[in-house]
């Protein structure tokens, strides 16, 4: 799932480890989220969104991800 985690983290000049510490996960988890290899749980997404002062919807690009998923289902 596409997220804005890396973009927001870079804008605030925060390291992956600093973000991981703030939201109580390992830096590997943040790396995996940023590489779109792992989708955060709702609670983790909420914690990250709080750190950056954005909504979960904005953080997780929910509208964009829904549109991409809808297109996949159209082709079935």
N, C-alpha and C. Protein backbone atom coordinates (compact mmCIF):
# COMPACT_ATOMS: atom_id res chain seq x y z
N UNK A 1 0.84 -1.17 0.00
CA UNK A 1 0.00 0.00 0.00
C UNK A 1 0.89 1.24 0.00
N UNK A 2 0.56 2.16 -0.85
CA UNK A 2 1.28 3.42 -0.93
C UNK A 2 0.94 4.28 0.29
N UNK A 3 1.97 4.88 0.89
CA UNK A 3 1.77 5.82 2.00
C UNK A 3 2.64 7.05 1.78
N UNK A 4 2.42 8.05 2.62
CA UNK A 4 3.24 9.26 2.58
C UNK A 4 4.25 9.27 3.73
N UNK A 5 4.52 8.12 4.31
CA UNK A 5 5.41 8.06 5.48
C UNK A 5 6.78 8.63 5.14
N UNK A 6 7.40 8.16 4.08
CA UNK A 6 8.76 8.61 3.75
C UNK A 6 8.76 10.11 3.44
N UNK A 7 7.79 10.54 2.65
CA UNK A 7 7.69 11.96 2.28
C UNK A 7 7.58 12.84 3.53
N UNK A 8 6.69 12.47 4.44
CA UNK A 8 6.50 13.26 5.66
C UNK A 8 7.73 13.18 6.57
N UNK A 9 8.32 12.02 6.65
CA UNK A 9 9.51 11.85 7.49
C UNK A 9 10.67 12.69 6.96
N UNK A 10 10.87 12.68 5.66
CA UNK A 10 11.96 13.45 5.05
C UNK A 10 11.73 14.96 5.22
N UNK A 11 10.48 15.38 5.08
CA UNK A 11 10.15 16.80 5.23
C UNK A 11 10.50 17.31 6.62
N UNK A 12 10.31 16.44 7.61
CA UNK A 12 10.60 16.85 8.99
C UNK A 12 12.02 16.50 9.41
N UNK A 13 12.82 15.98 8.46
CA UNK A 13 14.22 15.61 8.73
C UNK A 13 14.35 14.62 9.89
N UNK A 14 13.43 13.68 9.91
CA UNK A 14 13.41 12.65 10.95
C UNK A 14 14.01 11.37 10.38
N UNK A 15 14.78 10.67 11.17
CA UNK A 15 15.32 9.38 10.71
C UNK A 15 14.27 8.29 10.87
N UNK A 16 14.50 7.18 10.19
CA UNK A 16 13.60 6.04 10.34
C UNK A 16 13.60 5.55 11.78
N UNK A 17 14.76 5.55 12.41
CA UNK A 17 14.85 5.11 13.80
C UNK A 17 14.10 6.05 14.75
N UNK A 18 14.19 7.34 14.52
CA UNK A 18 13.47 8.30 15.36
C UNK A 18 11.96 8.08 15.26
N UNK A 19 11.46 7.90 14.03
CA UNK A 19 10.04 7.64 13.86
C UNK A 19 9.65 6.33 14.51
N UNK A 20 10.45 5.31 14.30
CA UNK A 20 10.18 4.00 14.89
C UNK A 20 10.07 4.10 16.41
N UNK A 21 10.99 4.84 17.03
CA UNK A 21 10.96 5.01 18.48
C UNK A 21 9.69 5.71 18.94
N UNK A 22 9.26 6.72 18.18
CA UNK A 22 8.06 7.48 18.55
C UNK A 22 6.79 6.63 18.49
N UNK A 23 6.76 5.66 17.57
CA UNK A 23 5.54 4.87 17.38
C UNK A 23 5.68 3.43 17.87
N UNK A 24 6.79 3.16 18.57
CA UNK A 24 6.99 1.87 19.25
C UNK A 24 7.09 0.66 18.32
N UNK A 25 7.84 0.82 17.23
CA UNK A 25 8.12 -0.30 16.33
C UNK A 25 9.61 -0.29 16.00
N UNK A 26 10.06 -1.28 15.25
CA UNK A 26 11.47 -1.31 14.84
C UNK A 26 11.67 -0.44 13.59
N UNK A 27 12.89 -0.06 13.36
CA UNK A 27 13.19 0.70 12.14
C UNK A 27 12.90 -0.14 10.90
N UNK A 28 13.03 -1.46 11.01
CA UNK A 28 12.71 -2.36 9.88
C UNK A 28 11.24 -2.21 9.48
N UNK A 29 10.37 -2.01 10.45
CA UNK A 29 8.95 -1.83 10.14
C UNK A 29 8.75 -0.56 9.33
N UNK A 30 9.40 0.52 9.74
CA UNK A 30 9.28 1.78 9.00
C UNK A 30 9.84 1.62 7.60
N UNK A 31 10.99 0.96 7.48
CA UNK A 31 11.59 0.71 6.17
C UNK A 31 10.63 -0.07 5.28
N UNK A 32 10.02 -1.11 5.82
CA UNK A 32 9.09 -1.94 5.04
C UNK A 32 7.86 -1.16 4.61
N UNK A 33 7.35 -0.29 5.48
CA UNK A 33 6.20 0.55 5.11
C UNK A 33 6.59 1.49 3.98
N UNK A 34 7.76 2.10 4.10
CA UNK A 34 8.20 3.05 3.07
C UNK A 34 8.45 2.37 1.73
N UNK A 35 8.84 1.12 1.74
CA UNK A 35 9.07 0.37 0.49
C UNK A 35 7.80 -0.29 -0.03
N UNK A 36 6.68 -0.03 0.63
CA UNK A 36 5.38 -0.61 0.26
C UNK A 36 5.39 -2.13 0.33
N UNK A 37 6.20 -2.67 1.24
CA UNK A 37 6.27 -4.12 1.45
C UNK A 37 5.41 -4.54 2.63
N UNK A 38 4.92 -3.58 3.39
CA UNK A 38 4.14 -3.87 4.59
C UNK A 38 3.10 -2.77 4.77
N UNK A 39 1.88 -3.16 5.02
CA UNK A 39 0.82 -2.19 5.30
C UNK A 39 0.65 -2.08 6.81
N UNK A 40 0.72 -0.86 7.33
CA UNK A 40 0.61 -0.70 8.78
C UNK A 40 -0.78 -1.05 9.28
N UNK A 41 -0.83 -1.53 10.52
CA UNK A 41 -2.13 -1.76 11.16
C UNK A 41 -2.81 -0.40 11.33
N UNK A 42 -4.08 -0.44 11.60
CA UNK A 42 -4.82 0.81 11.82
C UNK A 42 -4.22 1.60 12.97
N UNK A 43 -3.87 0.92 14.06
CA UNK A 43 -3.30 1.61 15.22
C UNK A 43 -1.94 2.22 14.88
N UNK A 44 -1.10 1.49 14.15
CA UNK A 44 0.20 2.03 13.78
C UNK A 44 0.03 3.22 12.83
N UNK A 45 -0.87 3.11 11.89
CA UNK A 45 -1.13 4.23 10.98
C UNK A 45 -1.60 5.45 11.77
N UNK A 46 -2.44 5.23 12.76
CA UNK A 46 -2.93 6.33 13.61
C UNK A 46 -1.78 6.97 14.37
N UNK A 47 -0.90 6.15 14.92
CA UNK A 47 0.26 6.68 15.68
C UNK A 47 1.17 7.51 14.76
N UNK A 48 1.44 7.01 13.57
CA UNK A 48 2.29 7.74 12.63
C UNK A 48 1.62 9.04 12.20
N UNK A 49 0.33 8.97 11.91
CA UNK A 49 -0.41 10.16 11.50
C UNK A 49 -0.36 11.23 12.60
N UNK A 50 -0.48 10.81 13.84
CA UNK A 50 -0.40 11.76 14.96
C UNK A 50 0.96 12.45 15.02
N UNK A 51 2.02 11.70 14.78
CA UNK A 51 3.37 12.27 14.80
C UNK A 51 3.48 13.42 13.80
N UNK A 52 2.89 13.23 12.61
CA UNK A 52 3.03 14.22 11.54
C UNK A 52 1.86 15.20 11.46
N UNK A 53 0.86 15.03 12.31
CA UNK A 53 -0.27 15.96 12.31
C UNK A 53 -1.14 15.87 11.07
N UNK A 54 -1.30 14.65 10.56
CA UNK A 54 -2.16 14.42 9.40
C UNK A 54 -3.20 13.36 9.75
N UNK A 55 -4.17 13.16 8.89
CA UNK A 55 -5.16 12.12 9.11
C UNK A 55 -4.63 10.78 8.60
N UNK A 56 -5.20 9.71 9.07
CA UNK A 56 -4.83 8.38 8.58
C UNK A 56 -5.16 8.31 7.09
N UNK A 57 -6.27 8.90 6.70
CA UNK A 57 -6.66 8.90 5.30
C UNK A 57 -5.59 9.55 4.42
N UNK A 58 -5.06 10.67 4.87
CA UNK A 58 -4.01 11.36 4.11
C UNK A 58 -2.70 10.56 4.15
N UNK A 59 -2.32 10.09 5.33
CA UNK A 59 -1.08 9.33 5.48
C UNK A 59 -1.05 8.11 4.57
N UNK A 60 -2.15 7.40 4.51
CA UNK A 60 -2.21 6.14 3.77
C UNK A 60 -2.73 6.29 2.34
N UNK A 61 -2.90 7.52 1.88
CA UNK A 61 -3.36 7.77 0.50
C UNK A 61 -4.58 6.90 0.19
N UNK A 62 -5.55 6.89 1.11
CA UNK A 62 -6.66 5.95 0.98
C UNK A 62 -7.47 6.13 -0.29
N UNK A 63 -7.73 7.36 -0.70
CA UNK A 63 -8.50 7.58 -1.92
C UNK A 63 -7.75 7.01 -3.13
N UNK A 64 -6.46 7.32 -3.23
CA UNK A 64 -5.65 6.84 -4.34
C UNK A 64 -5.54 5.31 -4.33
N UNK A 65 -5.30 4.73 -3.17
CA UNK A 65 -5.19 3.27 -3.07
C UNK A 65 -6.51 2.58 -3.40
N UNK A 66 -7.62 3.18 -3.00
CA UNK A 66 -8.94 2.61 -3.31
C UNK A 66 -9.17 2.61 -4.82
N UNK A 67 -8.82 3.72 -5.47
CA UNK A 67 -9.00 3.81 -6.92
C UNK A 67 -8.16 2.76 -7.65
N UNK A 68 -6.93 2.56 -7.19
CA UNK A 68 -6.07 1.54 -7.80
C UNK A 68 -6.65 0.14 -7.61
N UNK A 69 -7.17 -0.10 -6.40
CA UNK A 69 -7.76 -1.41 -6.12
C UNK A 69 -9.04 -1.62 -6.95
N UNK A 70 -9.85 -0.57 -7.06
CA UNK A 70 -11.08 -0.67 -7.86
C UNK A 70 -10.77 -1.02 -9.31
N UNK A 71 -9.71 -0.44 -9.85
CA UNK A 71 -9.32 -0.74 -11.25
C UNK A 71 -8.92 -2.20 -11.40
N UNK A 72 -8.26 -2.76 -10.38
CA UNK A 72 -7.88 -4.17 -10.43
C UNK A 72 -9.12 -5.06 -10.49
N UNK A 73 -10.15 -4.71 -9.72
CA UNK A 73 -11.36 -5.51 -9.69
C UNK A 73 -12.15 -5.39 -10.99
N UNK A 74 -12.05 -4.24 -11.65
CA UNK A 74 -12.74 -4.04 -12.92
C UNK A 74 -12.22 -5.00 -13.99
N UNK A 75 -10.95 -5.35 -13.88
CA UNK A 75 -10.31 -6.19 -14.90
C UNK A 75 -10.51 -7.68 -14.66
N UNK A 76 -11.26 -8.06 -13.63
CA UNK A 76 -11.49 -9.48 -13.35
C UNK A 76 -12.62 -10.04 -14.17
